[in-house]
Structures are given as structure tokens and as C-alpha cells.
Amino acid sequence: EELWNVSTSVQEHQEKQKTQWGSVNQSVMAAKRSIDTVMRSI
């Protein structure tokens, strides 16, 4: 039962981490677009 709980907890953390990495990836892409815009302006 404890092992099952740990396994479930690990899966939840993996899903959270996947979601957070997705948002980090989106932020990085947005920053790249902003940098590209600034570079074009320069």
C-alpha cells in the first residue's frame, strides 16, 4: 500500500513537472520571439 502511494505520488509529480516544463518552454519561445523583434528593430 505504501509503495502504491509512493508510485501515485511520483506519477503526480511527473505530471506537474511535465506541465511546468511545458509552460517554461512556452516562456522561452515567447522570449525568443521578443528577442527576435528587438533584434529586427535594432
PDB file of all heavy atoms in Angstrom:
ATOM      1  N   GLU A   1       0.829  -1.204   0.000  1.00  0.00           N
ATOM      2  CA  GLU A   1       0.000   0.000   0.000  1.00  0.00           C
ATOM      3  C   GLU A   1       0.867   1.259   0.000  1.00  0.00           C
ATOM      4  O   GLU A   1       0.604   2.207  -0.746  1.00  0.00           O
ATOM      5  CB  GLU A   1      -0.911  -0.010   1.223  1.00  0.00           C
ATOM      6  CG  GLU A   1      -1.925   1.113   1.248  1.00  0.00           C
ATOM      7  CD  GLU A   1      -2.876   0.989   2.418  1.00  0.00           C
ATOM      8  OE1 GLU A   1      -3.229  -0.134   2.797  1.00  0.00           O
ATOM      9  OE2 GLU A   1      -3.260   2.046   2.958  1.00  0.00           O
ATOM     10  N   GLU A   2       1.933   1.258   0.823  1.00  0.00           N
ATOM     11  CA  GLU A   2       2.828   2.412   0.855  1.00  0.00           C
ATOM     12  C   GLU A   2       3.533   2.590  -0.486  1.00  0.00           C
ATOM     13  O   GLU A   2       3.692   3.711  -0.973  1.00  0.00           O
ATOM     14  CB  GLU A   2       3.862   2.239   1.971  1.00  0.00           C
ATOM     15  CG  GLU A   2       3.274   2.380   3.362  1.00  0.00           C
ATOM     16  CD  GLU A   2       4.291   2.101   4.452  1.00  0.00           C
ATOM     17  OE1 GLU A   2       5.473   1.853   4.133  1.00  0.00           O
ATOM     18  OE2 GLU A   2       3.900   2.140   5.627  1.00  0.00           O
ATOM     19  N   LEU A   3       3.936   1.498  -1.074  1.00  0.00           N
ATOM     20  CA  LEU A   3       4.591   1.562  -2.380  1.00  0.00           C
ATOM     21  C   LEU A   3       3.629   2.101  -3.432  1.00  0.00           C
ATOM     22  O   LEU A   3       4.019   2.886  -4.303  1.00  0.00           O
ATOM     23  CB  LEU A   3       5.090   0.168  -2.766  1.00  0.00           C
ATOM     24  CG  LEU A   3       6.092   0.076  -3.888  1.00  0.00           C
ATOM     25  CD1 LEU A   3       7.342   0.871  -3.551  1.00  0.00           C
ATOM     26  CD2 LEU A   3       6.451  -1.368  -4.154  1.00  0.00           C
ATOM     27  N   TRP A   4       2.377   1.699  -3.364  1.00  0.00           N
ATOM     28  CA  TRP A   4       1.364   2.193  -4.291  1.00  0.00           C
ATOM     29  C   TRP A   4       1.195   3.705  -4.118  1.00  0.00           C
ATOM     30  O   TRP A   4       1.106   4.454  -5.100  1.00  0.00           O
ATOM     31  CB  TRP A   4       0.047   1.462  -4.059  1.00  0.00           C
ATOM     32  CG  TRP A   4      -1.022   1.900  -4.996  1.00  0.00           C
ATOM     33  CD1 TRP A   4      -2.022   2.774  -4.762  1.00  0.00           C
ATOM     34  CD2 TRP A   4      -1.174   1.482  -6.360  1.00  0.00           C
ATOM     35  NE1 TRP A   4      -2.801   2.933  -5.875  1.00  0.00           N
ATOM     36  CE2 TRP A   4      -2.301   2.145  -6.875  1.00  0.00           C
ATOM     37  CE3 TRP A   4      -0.481   0.611  -7.172  1.00  0.00           C
ATOM     38  CZ2 TRP A   4      -2.736   1.972  -8.176  1.00  0.00           C
ATOM     39  CZ3 TRP A   4      -0.916   0.432  -8.467  1.00  0.00           C
ATOM     40  CH2 TRP A   4      -2.037   1.112  -8.952  1.00  0.00           C
ATOM     41  N   ASN A   5       1.156   4.172  -2.851  1.00  0.00           N
ATOM     42  CA  ASN A   5       1.023   5.606  -2.591  1.00  0.00           C
ATOM     43  C   ASN A   5       2.222   6.376  -3.139  1.00  0.00           C
ATOM     44  O   ASN A   5       2.074   7.452  -3.728  1.00  0.00           O
ATOM     45  CB  ASN A   5       0.872   5.863  -1.084  1.00  0.00           C
ATOM     46  CG  ASN A   5      -0.458   5.385  -0.555  1.00  0.00           C
ATOM     47  OD1 ASN A   5      -1.412   5.189  -1.301  1.00  0.00           O
ATOM     48  ND2 ASN A   5      -0.535   5.157   0.749  1.00  0.00           N
ATOM     49  N   VAL A   6       3.417   5.837  -2.934  1.00  0.00           N
ATOM     50  CA  VAL A   6       4.619   6.494  -3.449  1.00  0.00           C
ATOM     51  C   VAL A   6       4.582   6.542  -4.968  1.00  0.00           C
ATOM     52  O   VAL A   6       4.908   7.555  -5.585  1.00  0.00           O
ATOM     53  CB  VAL A   6       5.886   5.766  -2.938  1.00  0.00           C
ATOM     54  CG1 VAL A   6       7.117   6.233  -3.683  1.00  0.00           C
ATOM     55  CG2 VAL A   6       6.055   5.990  -1.447  1.00  0.00           C
ATOM     56  N   SER A   7       4.159   5.442  -5.573  1.00  0.00           N
ATOM     57  CA  SER A   7       4.079   5.394  -7.036  1.00  0.00           C
ATOM     58  C   SER A   7       3.090   6.426  -7.555  1.00  0.00           C
ATOM     59  O   SER A   7       3.375   7.137  -8.530  1.00  0.00           O
ATOM     60  CB  SER A   7       3.669   3.981  -7.473  1.00  0.00           C
ATOM     61  OG  SER A   7       3.481   3.931  -8.854  1.00  0.00           O
ATOM     62  N   THR A   8       1.950   6.543  -6.915  1.00  0.00           N
ATOM     63  CA  THR A   8       0.949   7.532  -7.319  1.00  0.00           C
ATOM     64  C   THR A   8       1.512   8.945  -7.149  1.00  0.00           C
ATOM     65  O   THR A   8       1.333   9.799  -8.025  1.00  0.00           O
ATOM     66  CB  THR A   8      -0.328   7.363  -6.476  1.00  0.00           C
ATOM     67  OG1 THR A   8      -0.788   6.023  -6.605  1.00  0.00           O
ATOM     68  CG2 THR A   8      -1.417   8.309  -6.915  1.00  0.00           C
ATOM     69  N   SER A   9       2.187   9.179  -6.033  1.00  0.00           N
ATOM     70  CA  SER A   9       2.775  10.495  -5.781  1.00  0.00           C
ATOM     71  C   SER A   9       3.824  10.831  -6.841  1.00  0.00           C
ATOM     72  O   SER A   9       3.878  11.964  -7.337  1.00  0.00           O
ATOM     73  CB  SER A   9       3.405  10.508  -4.384  1.00  0.00           C
ATOM     74  OG  SER A   9       4.066  11.711  -4.150  1.00  0.00           O
ATOM     75  N   VAL A  10       4.629   9.860  -7.189  1.00  0.00           N
ATOM     76  CA  VAL A  10       5.657  10.090  -8.215  1.00  0.00           C
ATOM     77  C   VAL A  10       5.000  10.421  -9.550  1.00  0.00           C
ATOM     78  O   VAL A  10       5.445  11.323 -10.269  1.00  0.00           O
ATOM     79  CB  VAL A  10       6.590   8.858  -8.330  1.00  0.00           C
ATOM     80  CG1 VAL A  10       7.425   8.910  -9.595  1.00  0.00           C
ATOM     81  CG2 VAL A  10       7.488   8.765  -7.115  1.00  0.00           C
ATOM     82  N   GLN A  11       3.925   9.717  -9.890  1.00  0.00           N
ATOM     83  CA  GLN A  11       3.228   9.998 -11.147  1.00  0.00           C
ATOM     84  C   GLN A  11       2.656  11.414 -11.144  1.00  0.00           C
ATOM     85  O   GLN A  11       2.737  12.128 -12.150  1.00  0.00           O
ATOM     86  CB  GLN A  11       2.115   8.977 -11.382  1.00  0.00           C
ATOM     87  CG  GLN A  11       2.614   7.632 -11.840  1.00  0.00           C
ATOM     88  CD  GLN A  11       1.474   6.631 -12.028  1.00  0.00           C
ATOM     89  OE1 GLN A  11       0.382   6.802 -11.506  1.00  0.00           O
ATOM     90  NE2 GLN A  11       1.753   5.574 -12.784  1.00  0.00           N
ATOM     91  N   GLU A  12       2.085  11.823 -10.014  1.00  0.00           N
ATOM     92  CA  GLU A  12       1.536  13.179  -9.928  1.00  0.00           C
ATOM     93  C   GLU A  12       2.646  14.220 -10.104  1.00  0.00           C
ATOM     94  O   GLU A  12       2.470  15.213 -10.814  1.00  0.00           O
ATOM     95  CB  GLU A  12       0.829  13.376  -8.583  1.00  0.00           C
ATOM     96  CG  GLU A  12      -0.463  12.616  -8.461  1.00  0.00           C
ATOM     97  CD  GLU A  12      -1.063  12.698  -7.068  1.00  0.00           C
ATOM     98  OE1 GLU A  12      -0.450  13.344  -6.171  1.00  0.00           O
ATOM     99  OE2 GLU A  12      -2.132  12.103  -6.854  1.00  0.00           O
ATOM    100  N   HIS A  13       3.780  13.985  -9.440  1.00  0.00           N
ATOM    101  CA  HIS A  13       4.890  14.926  -9.568  1.00  0.00           C
ATOM    102  C   HIS A  13       5.423  14.962 -10.995  1.00  0.00           C
ATOM    103  O   HIS A  13       5.794  16.029 -11.493  1.00  0.00           O
ATOM    104  CB  HIS A  13       6.012  14.582  -8.580  1.00  0.00           C
ATOM    105  CG  HIS A  13       5.693  14.930  -7.166  1.00  0.00           C
ATOM    106  ND1 HIS A  13       5.511  16.227  -6.742  1.00  0.00           N
ATOM    107  CD2 HIS A  13       5.512  14.161  -6.067  1.00  0.00           C
ATOM    108  CE1 HIS A  13       5.237  16.241  -5.457  1.00  0.00           C
ATOM    109  NE2 HIS A  13       5.225  14.993  -5.015  1.00  0.00           N
ATOM    110  N   GLN A  14       5.454  13.819 -11.647  1.00  0.00           N
ATOM    111  CA  GLN A  14       5.912  13.786 -13.037  1.00  0.00           C
ATOM    112  C   GLN A  14       4.968  14.582 -13.932  1.00  0.00           C
ATOM    113  O   GLN A  14       5.406  15.315 -14.823  1.00  0.00           O
ATOM    114  CB  GLN A  14       6.032  12.344 -13.533  1.00  0.00           C
ATOM    115  CG  GLN A  14       7.250  11.620 -13.013  1.00  0.00           C
ATOM    116  CD  GLN A  14       7.304  10.166 -13.454  1.00  0.00           C
ATOM    117  OE1 GLN A  14       6.302   9.588 -13.875  1.00  0.00           O
ATOM    118  NE2 GLN A  14       8.479   9.576 -13.343  1.00  0.00           N
ATOM    119  N   GLU A  15       3.655  14.444 -13.691  1.00  0.00           N
ATOM    120  CA  GLU A  15       2.688  15.199 -14.490  1.00  0.00           C
ATOM    121  C   GLU A  15       2.835  16.704 -14.241  1.00  0.00           C
ATOM    122  O   GLU A  15       2.789  17.502 -15.185  1.00  0.00           O
ATOM    123  CB  GLU A  15       1.265  14.724 -14.175  1.00  0.00           C
ATOM    124  CG  GLU A  15       0.964  13.334 -14.713  1.00  0.00           C
ATOM    125  CD  GLU A  15      -0.400  12.825 -14.285  1.00  0.00           C
ATOM    126  OE1 GLU A  15      -1.205  13.615 -13.738  1.00  0.00           O
ATOM    127  OE2 GLU A  15      -0.661  11.628 -14.495  1.00  0.00           O
ATOM    128  N   LYS A  16       3.015  17.094 -12.953  1.00  0.00           N
ATOM    129  CA  LYS A  16       3.226  18.514 -12.632  1.00  0.00           C
ATOM    130  C   LYS A  16       4.485  19.027 -13.311  1.00  0.00           C
ATOM    131  O   LYS A  16       4.490  20.118 -13.888  1.00  0.00           O
ATOM    132  CB  LYS A  16       3.353  18.708 -11.121  1.00  0.00           C
ATOM    133  CG  LYS A  16       2.061  18.717 -10.378  1.00  0.00           C
ATOM    134  CD  LYS A  16       2.319  18.984  -8.904  1.00  0.00           C
ATOM    135  CE  LYS A  16       1.036  18.936  -8.103  1.00  0.00           C
ATOM    136  NZ  LYS A  16       1.298  19.159  -6.666  1.00  0.00           N
ATOM    137  N   GLN A  17       5.536  18.232 -13.239  1.00  0.00           N
ATOM    138  CA  GLN A  17       6.799  18.646 -13.848  1.00  0.00           C
ATOM    139  C   GLN A  17       6.650  18.782 -15.359  1.00  0.00           C
ATOM    140  O   GLN A  17       7.173  19.725 -15.954  1.00  0.00           O
ATOM    141  CB  GLN A  17       7.875  17.601 -13.507  1.00  0.00           C
ATOM    142  CG  GLN A  17       9.279  18.030 -13.843  1.00  0.00           C
ATOM    143  CD  GLN A  17      10.301  16.995 -13.416  1.00  0.00           C
ATOM    144  OE1 GLN A  17       9.999  15.816 -13.320  1.00  0.00           O
ATOM    145  NE2 GLN A  17      11.519  17.448 -13.173  1.00  0.00           N
ATOM    146  N   LYS A  18       5.905  17.875 -15.958  1.00  0.00           N
ATOM    147  CA  LYS A  18       5.670  17.945 -17.406  1.00  0.00           C
ATOM    148  C   LYS A  18       4.927  19.239 -17.754  1.00  0.00           C
ATOM    149  O   LYS A  18       5.281  19.939 -18.716  1.00  0.00           O
ATOM    150  CB  LYS A  18       4.856  16.723 -17.826  1.00  0.00           C
ATOM    151  CG  LYS A  18       4.883  16.396 -19.278  1.00  0.00           C
ATOM    152  CD  LYS A  18       4.119  15.108 -19.512  1.00  0.00           C
ATOM    153  CE  LYS A  18       4.327  14.567 -20.888  1.00  0.00           C
ATOM    154  NZ  LYS A  18       3.598  13.323 -21.120  1.00  0.00           N
ATOM    155  N   THR A  19       3.906  19.562 -16.959  1.00  0.00           N
ATOM    156  CA  THR A  19       3.139  20.787 -17.183  1.00  0.00           C
ATOM    157  C   THR A  19       4.034  22.016 -16.999  1.00  0.00           C
ATOM    158  O   THR A  19       3.998  22.953 -17.807  1.00  0.00           O
ATOM    159  CB  THR A  19       1.948  20.857 -16.207  1.00  0.00           C
ATOM    160  OG1 THR A  19       1.174  19.669 -16.346  1.00  0.00           O
ATOM    161  CG2 THR A  19       1.073  22.055 -16.462  1.00  0.00           C
ATOM    162  N   GLN A  20       4.833  22.011 -15.933  1.00  0.00           N
ATOM    163  CA  GLN A  20       5.709  23.154 -15.679  1.00  0.00           C
ATOM    164  C   GLN A  20       6.752  23.296 -16.782  1.00  0.00           C
ATOM    165  O   GLN A  20       7.051  24.418 -17.206  1.00  0.00           O
ATOM    166  CB  GLN A  20       6.386  23.002 -14.314  1.00  0.00           C
ATOM    167  CG  GLN A  20       5.423  23.189 -13.158  1.00  0.00           C
ATOM    168  CD  GLN A  20       6.050  22.862 -11.819  1.00  0.00           C
ATOM    169  OE1 GLN A  20       7.144  22.320 -11.733  1.00  0.00           O
ATOM    170  NE2 GLN A  20       5.338  23.190 -10.742  1.00  0.00           N
ATOM    171  N   TRP A  21       7.304  22.194 -17.262  1.00  0.00           N
ATOM    172  CA  TRP A  21       8.269  22.288 -18.353  1.00  0.00           C
ATOM    173  C   TRP A  21       7.604  22.810 -19.619  1.00  0.00           C
ATOM    174  O   TRP A  21       8.217  23.539 -20.402  1.00  0.00           O
ATOM    175  CB  TRP A  21       8.939  20.935 -18.625  1.00  0.00           C
ATOM    176  CG  TRP A  21      10.095  20.679 -17.717  1.00  0.00           C
ATOM    177  CD1 TRP A  21      10.164  19.748 -16.738  1.00  0.00           C
ATOM    178  CD2 TRP A  21      11.336  21.373 -17.690  1.00  0.00           C
ATOM    179  NE1 TRP A  21      11.368  19.802 -16.105  1.00  0.00           N
ATOM    180  CE2 TRP A  21      12.121  20.813 -16.676  1.00  0.00           C
ATOM    181  CE3 TRP A  21      11.865  22.431 -18.417  1.00  0.00           C
ATOM    182  CZ2 TRP A  21      13.386  21.246 -16.370  1.00  0.00           C
ATOM    183  CZ3 TRP A  21      13.138  22.875 -18.109  1.00  0.00           C
ATOM    184  CH2 TRP A  21      13.891  22.286 -17.101  1.00  0.00           C
ATOM    185  N   GLY A  22       6.329  22.446 -19.808  1.00  0.00           N
ATOM    186  CA  GLY A  22       5.596  22.982 -20.962  1.00  0.00           C
ATOM    187  C   GLY A  22       5.461  24.489 -20.873  1.00  0.00           C
ATOM    188  O   GLY A  22       5.675  25.209 -21.862  1.00  0.00           O
ATOM    189  N   SER A  23       5.109  24.995 -19.663  1.00  0.00           N
ATOM    190  CA  SER A  23       4.976  26.457 -19.504  1.00  0.00           C
ATOM    191  C   SER A  23       6.342  27.141 -19.616  1.00  0.00           C
ATOM    192  O   SER A  23       6.446  28.237 -20.181  1.00  0.00           O
ATOM    193  CB  SER A  23       4.301  26.799 -18.179  1.00  0.00           C
ATOM    194  OG  SER A  23       5.111  26.407 -17.089  1.00  0.00           O
ATOM    195  N   VAL A  24       7.388  26.504 -19.093  1.00  0.00           N
ATOM    196  CA  VAL A  24       8.738  27.075 -19.236  1.00  0.00           C
ATOM    197  C   VAL A  24       9.119  27.133 -20.712  1.00  0.00           C
ATOM    198  O   VAL A  24       9.686  28.130 -21.186  1.00  0.00           O
ATOM    199  CB  VAL A  24       9.769  26.253 -18.423  1.00  0.00           C
ATOM    200  CG1 VAL A  24      11.194  26.596 -18.811  1.00  0.00           C
ATOM    201  CG2 VAL A  24       9.560  26.459 -16.936  1.00  0.00           C
ATOM    202  N   ASN A  25       8.797  26.093 -21.449  1.00  0.00           N
ATOM    203  CA  ASN A  25       9.107  26.044 -22.877  1.00  0.00           C
ATOM    204  C   ASN A  25       8.367  27.157 -23.620  1.00  0.00           C
ATOM    205  O   ASN A  25       8.941  27.823 -24.496  1.00  0.00           O
ATOM    206  CB  ASN A  25       8.755  24.669 -23.432  1.00  0.00           C
ATOM    207  CG  ASN A  25       9.357  24.418 -24.796  1.00  0.00           C
ATOM    208  OD1 ASN A  25      10.278  25.106 -25.205  1.00  0.00           O
ATOM    209  ND2 ASN A  25       8.830  23.435 -25.503  1.00  0.00           N
ATOM    210  N   GLN A  26       7.098  27.366 -23.257  1.00  0.00           N
ATOM    211  CA  GLN A  26       6.327  28.444 -23.889  1.00  0.00           C
ATOM    212  C   GLN A  26       6.943  29.802 -23.562  1.00  0.00           C
ATOM    213  O   GLN A  26       7.049  30.679 -24.440  1.00  0.00           O
ATOM    214  CB  GLN A  26       4.871  28.404 -23.423  1.00  0.00           C
ATOM    215  CG  GLN A  26       4.078  27.247 -23.993  1.00  0.00           C
ATOM    216  CD  GLN A  26       2.669  27.191 -23.403  1.00  0.00           C
ATOM    217  OE1 GLN A  26       2.342  27.896 -22.456  1.00  0.00           O
ATOM    218  NE2 GLN A  26       1.851  26.323 -23.986  1.00  0.00           N
ATOM    219  N   SER A  27       7.379  29.989 -22.300  1.00  0.00           N
ATOM    220  CA  SER A  27       8.003  31.266 -21.908  1.00  0.00           C
ATOM    221  C   SER A  27       9.298  31.480 -22.677  1.00  0.00           C
ATOM    222  O   SER A  27       9.590  32.597 -23.127  1.00  0.00           O
ATOM    223  CB  SER A  27       8.292  31.280 -20.406  1.00  0.00           C
ATOM    224  OG  SER A  27       7.093  31.181 -19.674  1.00  0.00           O
ATOM    225  N   VAL A  28      10.065  30.423 -22.841  1.00  0.00           N
ATOM    226  CA  VAL A  28      11.312  30.542 -23.593  1.00  0.00           C
ATOM    227  C   VAL A  28      11.024  30.912 -25.042  1.00  0.00           C
ATOM    228  O   VAL A  28      11.712  31.763 -25.630  1.00  0.00           O
ATOM    229  CB  VAL A  28      12.127  29.226 -23.494  1.00  0.00           C
ATOM    230  CG1 VAL A  28      13.254  29.179 -24.502  1.00  0.00           C
ATOM    231  CG2 VAL A  28      12.668  29.042 -22.088  1.00  0.00           C
ATOM    232  N   MET A  29      10.010  30.295 -25.639  1.00  0.00           N
ATOM    233  CA  MET A  29       9.656  30.602 -27.029  1.00  0.00           C
ATOM    234  C   MET A  29       9.208  32.059 -27.151  1.00  0.00           C
ATOM    235  O   MET A  29       9.575  32.757 -28.107  1.00  0.00           O
ATOM    236  CB  MET A  29       8.559  29.651 -27.531  1.00  0.00           C
ATOM    237  CG  MET A  29       8.994  28.198 -27.634  1.00  0.00           C
ATOM    238  SD  MET A  29      10.412  27.954 -28.695  1.00  0.00           S
ATOM    239  CE  MET A  29       9.646  28.115 -30.267  1.00  0.00           C
ATOM    240  N   ALA A  30       8.409  32.538 -26.181  1.00  0.00           N
ATOM    241  CA  ALA A  30       7.959  33.931 -26.210  1.00  0.00           C
ATOM    242  C   ALA A  30       9.161  34.878 -26.068  1.00  0.00           C
ATOM    243  O   ALA A  30       9.241  35.915 -26.759  1.00  0.00           O
ATOM    244  CB  ALA A  30       6.947  34.187 -25.092  1.00  0.00           C
ATOM    245  N   ALA A  31      10.107  34.524 -25.191  1.00  0.00           N
ATOM    246  CA  ALA A  31      11.300  35.359 -25.019  1.00  0.00           C
ATOM    247  C   ALA A  31      12.121  35.381 -26.299  1.00  0.00           C
ATOM    248  O   ALA A  31      12.654  36.442 -26.687  1.00  0.00           O
ATOM    249  CB  ALA A  31      12.134  34.837 -23.849  1.00  0.00           C
ATOM    250  N   LYS A  32      12.210  34.258 -26.976  1.00  0.00           N
ATOM    251  CA  LYS A  32      12.946  34.211 -28.249  1.00  0.00           C
ATOM    252  C   LYS A  32      12.284  35.123 -29.276  1.00  0.00           C
ATOM    253  O   LYS A  32      12.963  35.851 -30.016  1.00  0.00           O
ATOM    254  CB  LYS A  32      12.997  32.780 -28.791  1.00  0.00           C
ATOM    255  CG  LYS A  32      14.035  31.909 -28.143  1.00  0.00           C
ATOM    256  CD  LYS A  32      14.078  30.536 -28.810  1.00  0.00           C
ATOM    257  CE  LYS A  32      15.120  29.632 -28.178  1.00  0.00           C
ATOM    258  NZ  LYS A  32      15.167  28.323 -28.816  1.00  0.00           N
ATOM    259  N   ARG A  33      10.943  35.091 -29.331  1.00  0.00           N
ATOM    260  CA  ARG A  33      10.237  35.967 -30.286  1.00  0.00           C
ATOM    261  C   ARG A  33      10.492  37.441 -29.958  1.00  0.00           C
ATOM    262  O   ARG A  33      10.723  38.255 -30.843  1.00  0.00           O
ATOM    263  CB  ARG A  33       8.742  35.650 -30.275  1.00  0.00           C
ATOM    264  CG  ARG A  33       8.384  34.383 -31.021  1.00  0.00           C
ATOM    265  CD  ARG A  33       6.871  34.259 -31.142  1.00  0.00           C
ATOM    266  NE  ARG A  33       6.276  34.025 -29.828  1.00  0.00           N
ATOM    267  CZ  ARG A  33       5.796  32.864 -29.421  1.00  0.00           C
ATOM    268  NH1 ARG A  33       5.796  31.823 -30.234  1.00  0.00           N
ATOM    269  NH2 ARG A  33       5.295  32.724 -28.228  1.00  0.00           N
ATOM    270  N   SER A  34      10.469  37.769 -28.640  1.00  0.00           N
ATOM    271  CA  SER A  34      10.722  39.162 -28.234  1.00  0.00           C
ATOM    272  C   SER A  34      12.145  39.565 -28.603  1.00  0.00           C
ATOM    273  O   SER A  34      12.376  40.689 -29.101  1.00  0.00           O
ATOM    274  CB  SER A  34      10.534  39.327 -26.726  1.00  0.00           C
ATOM    275  OG  SER A  34       9.205  39.059 -26.375  1.00  0.00           O
ATOM    276  N   ILE A  35      13.080  38.683 -28.382  1.00  0.00           N
ATOM    277  CA  ILE A  35      14.473  38.987 -28.730  1.00  0.00           C
ATOM    278  C   ILE A  35      14.610  39.175 -30.236  1.00  0.00           C
ATOM    279  O   ILE A  35      15.311  40.097 -30.703  1.00  0.00           O
ATOM    280  CB  ILE A  35      15.409  37.861 -28.207  1.00  0.00           C
ATOM    281  CG1 ILE A  35      15.482  37.914 -26.678  1.00  0.00           C
ATOM    282  CG2 ILE A  35      16.794  37.977 -28.805  1.00  0.00           C
ATOM    283  CD1 ILE A  35      16.209  36.747 -26.048  1.00  0.00           C
ATOM    284  N   ASP A  36      13.920  38.321 -31.003  1.00  0.00           N
ATOM    285  CA  ASP A  36      13.963  38.475 -32.460  1.00  0.00           C
ATOM    286  C   ASP A  36      13.395  39.829 -32.889  1.00  0.00           C
ATOM    287  O   ASP A  36      13.935  40.509 -33.770  1.00  0.00           O
ATOM    288  CB  ASP A  36      13.200  37.335 -33.146  1.00  0.00           C
ATOM    289  CG  ASP A  36      13.932  36.007 -33.059  1.00  0.00           C
ATOM    290  OD1 ASP A  36      15.156  36.013 -32.775  1.00  0.00           O
ATOM    291  OD2 ASP A  36      13.287  34.947 -33.274  1.00  0.00           O
ATOM    292  N   THR A  37      12.276  40.241 -32.260  1.00  0.00           N
ATOM    293  CA  THR A  37      11.668  41.538 -32.582  1.00  0.00           C
ATOM    294  C   THR A  37      12.638  42.673 -32.257  1.00  0.00           C
ATOM    295  O   THR A  37      12.811  43.611 -33.055  1.00  0.00           O
ATOM    296  CB  THR A  37      10.346  41.707 -31.796  1.00  0.00           C
ATOM    297  OG1 THR A  37       9.509  40.604 -32.059  1.00  0.00           O
ATOM    298  CG2 THR A  37       9.644  42.997 -32.149  1.00  0.00           C
ATOM    299  N   VAL A  38      13.268  42.613 -31.089  1.00  0.00           N
ATOM    300  CA  VAL A  38      14.223  43.660 -30.695  1.00  0.00           C
ATOM    301  C   VAL A  38      15.393  43.678 -31.662  1.00  0.00           C
ATOM    302  O   VAL A  38      15.872  44.752 -32.073  1.00  0.00           O
ATOM    303  CB  VAL A  38      14.687  43.421 -29.230  1.00  0.00           C
ATOM    304  CG1 VAL A  38      15.872  44.304 -28.877  1.00  0.00           C
ATOM    305  CG2 VAL A  38      13.540  43.660 -28.275  1.00  0.00           C
ATOM    306  N   MET A  39      15.858  42.503 -32.053  1.00  0.00           N
ATOM    307  CA  MET A  39      16.990  42.441 -32.993  1.00  0.00           C
ATOM    308  C   MET A  39      16.609  43.084 -34.333  1.00  0.00           C
ATOM    309  O   MET A  39      17.414  43.817 -34.921  1.00  0.00           O
ATOM    310  CB  MET A  39      17.432  40.988 -33.213  1.00  0.00           C
ATOM    311  CG  MET A  39      18.112  40.367 -32.014  1.00  0.00           C
ATOM    312  SD  MET A  39      19.636  41.175 -31.567  1.00  0.00           S
ATOM    313  CE  MET A  39      20.679  40.603 -32.869  1.00  0.00           C
ATOM    314  N   ARG A  40      15.387  42.825 -34.794  1.00  0.00           N
ATOM    315  CA  ARG A  40      14.940  43.434 -36.049  1.00  0.00           C
ATOM    316  C   ARG A  40      14.874  44.952 -35.903  1.00  0.00           C
ATOM    317  O   ARG A  40      15.289  45.688 -36.804  1.00  0.00           O
ATOM    318  CB  ARG A  40      13.581  42.866 -36.457  1.00  0.00           C
ATOM    319  CG  ARG A  40      13.716  41.638 -37.318  1.00  0.00           C
ATOM    320  CD  ARG A  40      12.376  41.191 -37.895  1.00  0.00           C
ATOM    321  NE  ARG A  40      12.020  39.975 -37.161  1.00  0.00           N
ATOM    322  CZ  ARG A  40      10.945  39.809 -36.412  1.00  0.00           C
ATOM    323  NH1 ARG A  40      10.050  40.751 -36.327  1.00  0.00           N
ATOM    324  NH2 ARG A  40      10.744  38.694 -35.764  1.00  0.00           N
ATOM    325  N   SER A  41      14.367  45.400 -34.751  1.00  0.00           N
ATOM    326  CA  SER A  41      14.283  46.861 -34.523  1.00  0.00           C
ATOM    327  C   SER A  41      15.674  47.476 -34.505  1.00  0.00           C
ATOM    328  O   SER A  41      15.895  48.561 -35.067  1.00  0.00           O
ATOM    329  CB  SER A  41      13.590  47.157 -33.198  1.00  0.00           C
ATOM    330  OG  SER A  41      12.264  46.693 -33.230  1.00  0.00           O
ATOM    331  N   ILE A  42      16.608  46.797 -33.868  1.00  0.00           N
ATOM    332  CA  ILE A  42      17.980  47.323 -33.818  1.00  0.00           C
ATOM    333  C   ILE A  42      18.574  47.377 -35.220  1.00  0.00           C
ATOM    334  O   ILE A  42      19.227  48.350 -35.603  1.00  0.00           O
ATOM    335  CB  ILE A  42      18.845  46.460 -32.872  1.00  0.00           C
ATOM    336  CG1 ILE A  42      18.427  46.698 -31.430  1.00  0.00           C
ATOM    337  CG2 ILE A  42      20.329  46.753 -33.048  1.00  0.00           C
ATOM    338  CD1 ILE A  42      19.093  45.796 -30.426  1.00  0.00           C
TER     339      ILE A  42
END
